[in-house]
C-alpha atoms as a PDB file:
ATOM      1  CA  UNK A   1       0.056  -0.174   0.072  1.00  0.00           C
ATOM      2  CA  UNK A   2       3.038   2.378   1.004  1.00  0.00           C
ATOM      3  CA  UNK A   3       4.739   1.784  -2.429  1.00  0.00           C
ATOM      4  CA  UNK A   4       1.309   2.331  -4.292  1.00  0.00           C
ATOM      5  CA  UNK A   5       0.620   5.578  -2.588  1.00  0.00           C
ATOM      6  CA  UNK A   6       4.251   6.776  -2.692  1.00  0.00           C
ATOM      7  CA  UNK A   7       4.186   6.002  -6.738  1.00  0.00           C
ATOM      8  CA  UNK A   8       0.871   8.058  -6.986  1.00  0.00           C
ATOM      9  CA  UNK A   9       1.882  10.832  -5.052  1.00  0.00           C
ATOM     10  CA  UNK A  10       5.092  10.816  -6.902  1.00  0.00           C
ATOM     11  CA  UNK A  11       3.102  11.192 -10.233  1.00  0.00           C
ATOM     12  CA  UNK A  12       0.913  13.577  -8.924  1.00  0.00           C
ATOM     13  CA  UNK A  13      -2.062  11.795  -8.255  1.00  0.00           C
ATOM     14  CA  UNK A  14      -4.269  13.403  -5.284  1.00  0.00           C
ATOM     15  CA  UNK A  15      -4.949  11.675  -2.219  1.00  0.00           C
ATOM     16  CA  UNK A  16      -9.018  11.739  -3.384  1.00  0.00           C
ATOM     17  CA  UNK A  17      -8.273  10.044  -6.667  1.00  0.00           C
ATOM     18  CA  UNK A  18      -6.024   7.631  -4.699  1.00  0.00           C
ATOM     19  CA  UNK A  19      -8.969   6.893  -2.638  1.00  0.00           C
ATOM     20  CA  UNK A  20     -11.372   6.542  -5.471  1.00  0.00           C
ATOM     21  CA  UNK A  21      -9.019   3.712  -6.872  1.00  0.00           C
ATOM     22  CA  UNK A  22      -8.491   1.577  -3.907  1.00  0.00           C
ATOM     23  CA  UNK A  23     -12.558   1.866  -3.559  1.00  0.00           C
ATOM     24  CA  UNK A  24     -12.687   0.611  -7.193  1.00  0.00           C
ATOM     25  CA  UNK A  25     -10.289  -2.217  -6.775  1.00  0.00           C
ATOM     26  CA  UNK A  26     -12.501  -3.392  -3.405  1.00  0.00           C
ATOM     27  CA  UNK A  27     -15.476  -2.963  -5.555  1.00  0.00           C
ATOM     28  CA  UNK A  28     -13.600  -5.404  -8.027  1.00  0.00           C
ATOM     29  CA  UNK A  29     -13.405  -7.978  -5.372  1.00  0.00           C
ATOM     30  CA  UNK A  30     -16.514  -7.778  -4.131  1.00  0.00           C
ATOM     31  CA  UNK A  31     -18.293  -8.326  -7.773  1.00  0.00           C
ATOM     32  CA  UNK A  32     -15.769 -11.208  -7.927  1.00  0.00           C
ATOM     33  CA  UNK A  33     -17.011 -12.605  -4.849  1.00  0.00           C
ATOM     34  CA  UNK A  34     -20.455 -12.610  -5.685  1.00  0.00           C
ATOM     35  CA  UNK A  35     -19.933 -14.561  -9.139  1.00  0.00           C
ATOM     36  CA  UNK A  36     -18.515 -17.616  -7.005  1.00  0.00           C
ATOM     37  CA  UNK A  37     -20.596 -19.882  -5.308  1.00  0.00           C
ATOM     38  CA  UNK A  38     -17.979 -19.434  -2.364  1.00  0.00           C
ATOM     39  CA  UNK A  39     -19.394 -15.839  -1.062  1.00  0.00           C
ATOM     40  CA  UNK A  40     -20.434 -15.375   2.031  1.00  0.00           C
ATOM     41  CA  UNK A  41     -21.567 -12.207   4.603  1.00  0.00           C
ATOM     42  CA  UNK A  42     -18.362 -12.585   6.463  1.00  0.00           C
ATOM     43  CA  UNK A  43     -16.280 -12.470   3.567  1.00  0.00           C
ATOM     44  CA  UNK A  44     -17.955  -9.126   2.573  1.00  0.00           C
ATOM     45  CA  UNK A  45     -17.480  -7.726   5.833  1.00  0.00           C
ATOM     46  CA  UNK A  46     -13.771  -8.793   5.968  1.00  0.00           C
ATOM     47  CA  UNK A  47     -13.355  -7.059   2.657  1.00  0.00           C
ATOM     48  CA  UNK A  48     -15.120  -3.844   3.966  1.00  0.00           C
ATOM     49  CA  UNK A  49     -13.278  -3.731   6.817  1.00  0.00           C
ATOM     50  CA  UNK A  50      -9.821  -4.238   4.639  1.00  0.00           C
ATOM     51  CA  UNK A  51     -11.026  -1.347   2.471  1.00  0.00           C
ATOM     52  CA  UNK A  52     -11.726   1.045   5.291  1.00  0.00           C
ATOM     53  CA  UNK A  53      -7.831   0.199   6.740  1.00  0.00           C
ATOM     54  CA  UNK A  54      -6.622   0.616   3.309  1.00  0.00           C
ATOM     55  CA  UNK A  55      -8.065   4.171   2.962  1.00  0.00           C
ATOM     56  CA  UNK A  56      -6.901   4.965   6.385  1.00  0.00           C
ATOM     57  CA  UNK A  57      -3.447   3.864   5.627  1.00  0.00           C
ATOM     58  CA  UNK A  58      -3.422   5.828   2.155  1.00  0.00           C
ATOM     59  CA  UNK A  59      -4.045   9.259   4.027  1.00  0.00           C
ATOM     60  CA  UNK A  60      -1.944   8.476   6.796  1.00  0.00           C
ATOM     61  CA  UNK A  61       1.302   7.764   3.858  1.00  0.00           C
ATOM     62  CA  UNK A  62      -0.316  10.443   1.403  1.00  0.00           C
ATOM     63  CA  UNK A  63      -0.367  13.605   3.970  1.00  0.00           C
ATOM     64  CA  UNK A  64       2.697  12.003   6.738  1.00  0.00           C
ATOM     65  CA  UNK A  65       4.931  10.586   4.195  1.00  0.00           C
END
């Protein structure tokens, strides 16, 4: 996550845009889960938590690093 944020920041991408990209990745993962028979509410909840943590890390890295 840190390397991704550092690279995108170096390229001049704003933090808001990086967060949108992270949310898009999480959405794609969620869509893939829905298409599989192994989808579960617990897995979706873990993905939501991971997405929120990724957003937090992104903000901390972007503005703190």
